[in-house]
């Protein structure tokens, strides 16, 4: 099957019989993007369609391309992702893109859910409370990054230690401990989010190592970053791949 046939098959799988508005106004551009994205990128690497749609959702949330985000919420449901998994992927963005942009993405998700009569709020995935969110978050940090966490906390200037505390309690305690997505998936999505941000190569490298530590191999990371390419462009993709190759060199 050539890439044009593949793109038609994949588009139908994701979006049903829907037709993009741009196919009428800009058919050449629609064909270019559809054949590349759905005929090539979606078939590159070892990810399944559920993983690909989760990655798509977080990168679109990061870039705040909300009309496309809503389209891919529909696609995510079509490939079998649950409302919980979709919500948890978007929630995972908050520590990296900020709360306002995450709220924008949540509004887009909710609009699709309401149109499909998916009851809101969906079931809570919270597993921590005020008394243990810091300790449980710190434990997840150590699981992902190891002894470097203690060194980071010890070396932080006294007037900046609260940032390290927030990182443990908010980023890892409030989000990484939630149900709905496993640790390997959350860490893979985080790599895609910070790769899409651009200018965060130090954090990209840290999360490449974190992904390696939780069991995501280099081929999975390359597949994930490749899948981000149509949504975040070549410069950020090449920067992210350079980080992967620096942390996990080719044999």
Protein backbone atom coordinates (compact mmCIF):
# COMPACT_ATOMS: atom_id res chain seq x y z
CA UNK A 1 0.00 0.00 0.00
CA UNK A 2 1.47 3.40 -0.97
CA UNK A 3 1.44 6.43 1.31
CA UNK A 4 -1.63 7.97 -0.34
CA UNK A 5 -3.71 4.87 0.31
CA UNK A 6 -2.25 4.62 3.79
CA UNK A 7 -3.21 8.24 4.50
CA UNK A 8 -6.80 7.63 3.38
CA UNK A 9 -7.08 4.53 5.52
CA UNK A 10 -5.57 6.19 8.61
CA UNK A 11 -7.63 9.37 8.24
CA UNK A 12 -10.84 7.33 8.08
CA UNK A 13 -9.76 5.32 11.12
CA UNK A 14 -9.13 8.51 13.11
CA UNK A 15 -11.87 10.82 11.89
CA UNK A 16 -14.47 8.62 10.22
CA UNK A 17 -16.05 10.08 7.11
CA UNK A 18 -15.39 13.67 8.14
CA UNK A 19 -13.90 16.08 5.60
CA UNK A 20 -11.49 18.84 6.53
CA UNK A 21 -12.67 22.33 5.58
CA UNK A 22 -9.23 23.11 4.21
CA UNK A 23 -9.62 20.36 1.62
CA UNK A 24 -12.03 22.68 -0.21
CA UNK A 25 -10.11 25.95 0.14
CA UNK A 26 -6.53 24.61 -0.03
CA UNK A 27 -6.59 21.12 -1.54
CA UNK A 28 -2.87 21.07 -2.38
CA UNK A 29 -1.90 21.84 1.20
CA UNK A 30 -4.41 19.33 2.54
CA UNK A 31 -2.93 16.60 0.34
CA UNK A 32 0.64 17.45 1.37
CA UNK A 33 -0.10 17.41 5.09
CA UNK A 34 -2.44 14.41 4.95
CA UNK A 35 -0.08 12.23 2.92
CA UNK A 36 2.90 13.14 5.12
CA UNK A 37 1.17 12.96 8.48
CA UNK A 38 -1.25 10.07 7.97
CA UNK A 39 0.62 8.23 5.22
CA UNK A 40 4.17 8.39 6.63
CA UNK A 41 4.57 9.70 10.17
CA UNK A 42 1.74 7.62 11.65
CA UNK A 43 3.48 4.46 10.38
CA UNK A 44 7.00 5.35 11.59
CA UNK A 45 8.23 3.62 14.72
CA UNK A 46 6.79 1.31 17.35
CA UNK A 47 3.89 3.34 18.77
CA UNK A 48 0.24 2.32 18.54
CA UNK A 49 -2.55 4.72 17.59
CA UNK A 50 -3.56 5.31 21.21
CA UNK A 51 -0.04 6.42 22.12
CA UNK A 52 0.11 8.59 19.01
CA UNK A 53 -3.14 10.35 19.81
CA UNK A 54 -2.06 11.02 23.41
CA UNK A 55 1.15 12.56 22.07
CA UNK A 56 -0.81 14.59 19.53
CA UNK A 57 -3.11 15.93 22.24
CA UNK A 58 -0.31 17.15 24.51
CA UNK A 59 1.67 18.76 21.68
CA UNK A 60 -1.44 20.55 20.41
CA UNK A 61 -2.19 21.70 23.95
CA UNK A 62 1.38 22.96 24.28
CA UNK A 63 1.15 24.94 21.04
CA UNK A 64 -2.41 26.07 21.89
CA UNK A 65 -3.76 24.99 18.50
CA UNK A 66 -7.18 24.42 20.01
CA UNK A 67 -9.31 23.74 16.90
CA UNK A 68 -6.95 20.90 15.98
CA UNK A 69 -6.92 19.76 19.61
CA UNK A 70 -10.70 19.34 19.53
CA UNK A 71 -10.49 17.39 16.29
CA UNK A 72 -7.97 15.04 17.86
CA UNK A 73 -10.06 14.57 20.99
CA UNK A 74 -12.62 13.04 18.64
CA UNK A 75 -9.88 10.96 17.01
CA UNK A 76 -8.63 9.84 20.41
CA UNK A 77 -12.08 8.58 21.31
CA UNK A 78 -12.37 6.89 17.91
CA UNK A 79 -9.18 4.85 18.47
CA UNK A 80 -10.36 3.68 21.89
CA UNK A 81 -8.85 6.10 24.39
CA UNK A 82 -11.07 6.68 27.41
CA UNK A 83 -12.20 10.09 28.66
CA UNK A 84 -10.00 9.53 31.71
CA UNK A 85 -6.90 8.91 29.59
CA UNK A 86 -7.59 11.99 27.47
CA UNK A 87 -8.12 14.22 30.51
CA UNK A 88 -5.03 12.88 32.27
CA UNK A 89 -2.84 13.57 29.23
CA UNK A 90 -4.01 17.19 29.16
CA UNK A 91 -3.65 17.57 32.94
CA UNK A 92 -0.05 16.33 32.59
CA UNK A 93 0.75 19.49 30.60
CA UNK A 94 0.07 21.88 33.48
CA UNK A 95 3.50 21.94 35.18
CA UNK A 96 5.24 22.56 31.86
CA UNK A 97 3.00 24.90 29.83
CA UNK A 98 1.36 26.64 32.77
CA UNK A 99 -2.14 26.66 34.17
CA UNK A 100 -3.84 29.15 31.77
CA UNK A 101 -2.86 27.21 28.64
CA UNK A 102 -3.88 23.95 30.28
CA UNK A 103 -7.26 25.45 31.16
CA UNK A 104 -7.70 26.43 27.50
CA UNK A 105 -7.01 22.85 26.47
CA UNK A 106 -9.37 21.48 29.13
CA UNK A 107 -12.12 23.75 27.81
CA UNK A 108 -11.58 22.29 24.33
CA UNK A 109 -11.74 18.73 25.64
CA UNK A 110 -14.88 19.49 27.64
CA UNK A 111 -16.56 20.98 24.58
CA UNK A 112 -16.07 17.72 22.70
CA UNK A 113 -17.12 15.59 25.66
CA UNK A 114 -20.31 17.59 26.13
CA UNK A 115 -21.14 17.28 22.42
CA UNK A 116 -20.80 13.53 22.81
CA UNK A 117 -22.83 13.44 26.03
CA UNK A 118 -19.85 12.29 28.11
CA UNK A 119 -20.77 13.15 31.68
CA UNK A 120 -18.62 15.68 33.50
CA UNK A 121 -16.81 15.64 35.77
CA UNK A 122 -15.28 12.28 35.00
CA UNK A 123 -14.18 10.05 37.85
CA UNK A 124 -11.35 11.42 40.00
CA UNK A 125 -7.90 9.89 39.57
CA UNK A 126 -6.41 11.58 42.63
CA UNK A 127 -4.28 9.35 44.88
CA UNK A 128 -2.67 11.89 47.24
CA UNK A 129 -3.81 14.31 49.92
CA UNK A 130 -2.45 17.44 51.53
CA UNK A 131 -0.46 15.43 54.05
CA UNK A 132 1.37 13.15 51.61
CA UNK A 133 1.51 14.90 48.20
CA UNK A 134 5.07 16.11 48.79
CA UNK A 135 6.41 12.77 50.03
CA UNK A 136 4.68 10.77 47.31
CA UNK A 137 5.80 13.23 44.66
CA UNK A 138 9.37 13.08 45.88
CA UNK A 139 9.23 9.28 45.77
CA UNK A 140 8.14 9.41 42.12
CA UNK A 141 10.95 11.86 41.33
CA UNK A 142 13.48 9.49 42.84
CA UNK A 143 11.97 6.56 40.93
CA UNK A 144 12.44 8.48 37.68
CA UNK A 145 15.70 10.35 38.23
CA UNK A 146 17.48 8.65 41.12
CA UNK A 147 19.94 10.23 43.54
CA UNK A 148 20.27 13.43 41.50
CA UNK A 149 17.06 14.70 43.16
CA UNK A 150 18.63 14.84 46.61
CA UNK A 151 21.63 16.68 45.16
CA UNK A 152 19.35 19.21 43.45
CA UNK A 153 17.52 19.92 46.66
CA UNK A 154 20.70 20.22 48.69
CA UNK A 155 22.39 22.55 46.22
CA UNK A 156 19.44 24.93 45.79
CA UNK A 157 20.06 28.37 47.37
CA UNK A 158 18.01 28.93 50.50
CA UNK A 159 15.83 31.55 48.80
CA UNK A 160 15.00 29.10 45.98
CA UNK A 161 14.36 25.89 47.88
CA UNK A 162 10.61 26.48 47.62
CA UNK A 163 10.86 25.90 43.85
CA UNK A 164 12.29 22.42 44.46
CA UNK A 165 9.51 21.79 46.97
CA UNK A 166 6.88 22.87 44.44
CA UNK A 167 8.46 20.59 41.85
CA UNK A 168 8.09 17.60 44.16
CA UNK A 169 4.62 18.40 45.50
CA UNK A 170 2.91 19.98 42.48
CA UNK A 171 4.51 18.51 39.37
CA UNK A 172 5.18 15.03 40.67
CA UNK A 173 2.83 14.82 43.67
CA UNK A 174 -0.31 16.31 42.17
CA UNK A 175 0.09 14.92 38.64
CA UNK A 176 2.50 12.00 38.26
CA UNK A 177 0.78 10.10 41.09
CA UNK A 178 -2.64 10.24 39.47
CA UNK A 179 -4.35 7.19 37.98
CA UNK A 180 -5.46 6.82 34.40
CA UNK A 181 -2.00 6.73 32.82
CA UNK A 182 1.02 4.70 33.90
CA UNK A 183 4.40 6.19 34.74
CA UNK A 184 6.01 5.24 31.41
CA UNK A 185 3.26 7.00 29.49
CA UNK A 186 3.37 10.12 31.65
CA UNK A 187 7.12 10.40 31.28
CA UNK A 188 6.94 9.90 27.51
CA UNK A 189 4.25 12.59 27.23
CA UNK A 190 6.35 14.93 29.35
CA UNK A 191 9.27 14.52 26.95
CA UNK A 192 6.97 15.45 24.06
CA UNK A 193 5.56 18.46 25.91
CA UNK A 194 8.92 20.00 26.77
CA UNK A 195 10.31 19.18 23.31
CA UNK A 196 7.37 21.09 21.81
CA UNK A 197 8.01 24.07 24.07
CA UNK A 198 11.38 24.80 22.49
CA UNK A 199 14.26 26.36 24.43
CA UNK A 200 14.07 23.74 27.19
CA UNK A 201 16.87 21.46 26.01
CA UNK A 202 18.28 21.03 29.54
CA UNK A 203 14.95 19.63 30.69
CA UNK A 204 14.61 17.57 27.50
CA UNK A 205 17.91 15.85 28.28
CA UNK A 206 16.86 15.22 31.88
CA UNK A 207 13.62 13.63 30.72
CA UNK A 208 15.38 11.55 28.07
CA UNK A 209 17.31 10.02 30.96
CA UNK A 210 14.10 9.79 32.98
CA UNK A 211 12.38 7.92 30.16
CA UNK A 212 15.32 5.56 29.89
CA UNK A 213 15.16 4.95 33.64
CA UNK A 214 11.46 4.01 33.58
CA UNK A 215 11.85 1.65 30.63
CA UNK A 216 11.20 3.66 27.47
CA UNK A 217 14.00 2.71 25.07
CA UNK A 218 15.66 4.94 22.51
CA UNK A 219 13.56 3.66 19.61
CA UNK A 220 10.40 4.60 21.51
CA UNK A 221 11.76 8.10 22.18
CA UNK A 222 12.69 8.55 18.51
CA UNK A 223 9.24 7.36 17.46
CA UNK A 224 7.56 9.76 19.88
CA UNK A 225 9.62 12.76 18.77
CA UNK A 226 9.08 11.82 15.13
CA UNK A 227 5.36 11.82 15.77
CA UNK A 228 5.65 15.34 17.19
CA UNK A 229 7.33 16.61 14.01
CA UNK A 230 4.25 17.65 11.98
CA UNK A 231 2.90 19.53 15.00
CA UNK A 232 6.03 21.30 16.27
CA UNK A 233 8.20 21.56 13.14
CA UNK A 234 11.71 20.49 12.22
CA UNK A 235 13.79 22.87 14.41
CA UNK A 236 12.33 21.64 17.70
CA UNK A 237 12.30 18.06 16.45
CA UNK A 238 15.99 18.18 15.51
CA UNK A 239 16.86 19.81 18.84
CA UNK A 240 15.00 17.08 20.71
CA UNK A 241 16.69 14.33 18.69
CA UNK A 242 20.08 15.90 19.43
CA UNK A 243 19.24 15.67 23.14
CA UNK A 244 18.27 12.00 22.75
CA UNK A 245 21.51 11.23 20.94
CA UNK A 246 23.58 13.08 23.53
CA UNK A 247 22.07 11.18 26.44
CA UNK A 248 21.71 7.82 24.66
CA UNK A 249 24.45 7.68 21.98
CA UNK A 250 24.21 5.38 19.01
CA UNK A 251 26.14 2.14 19.51
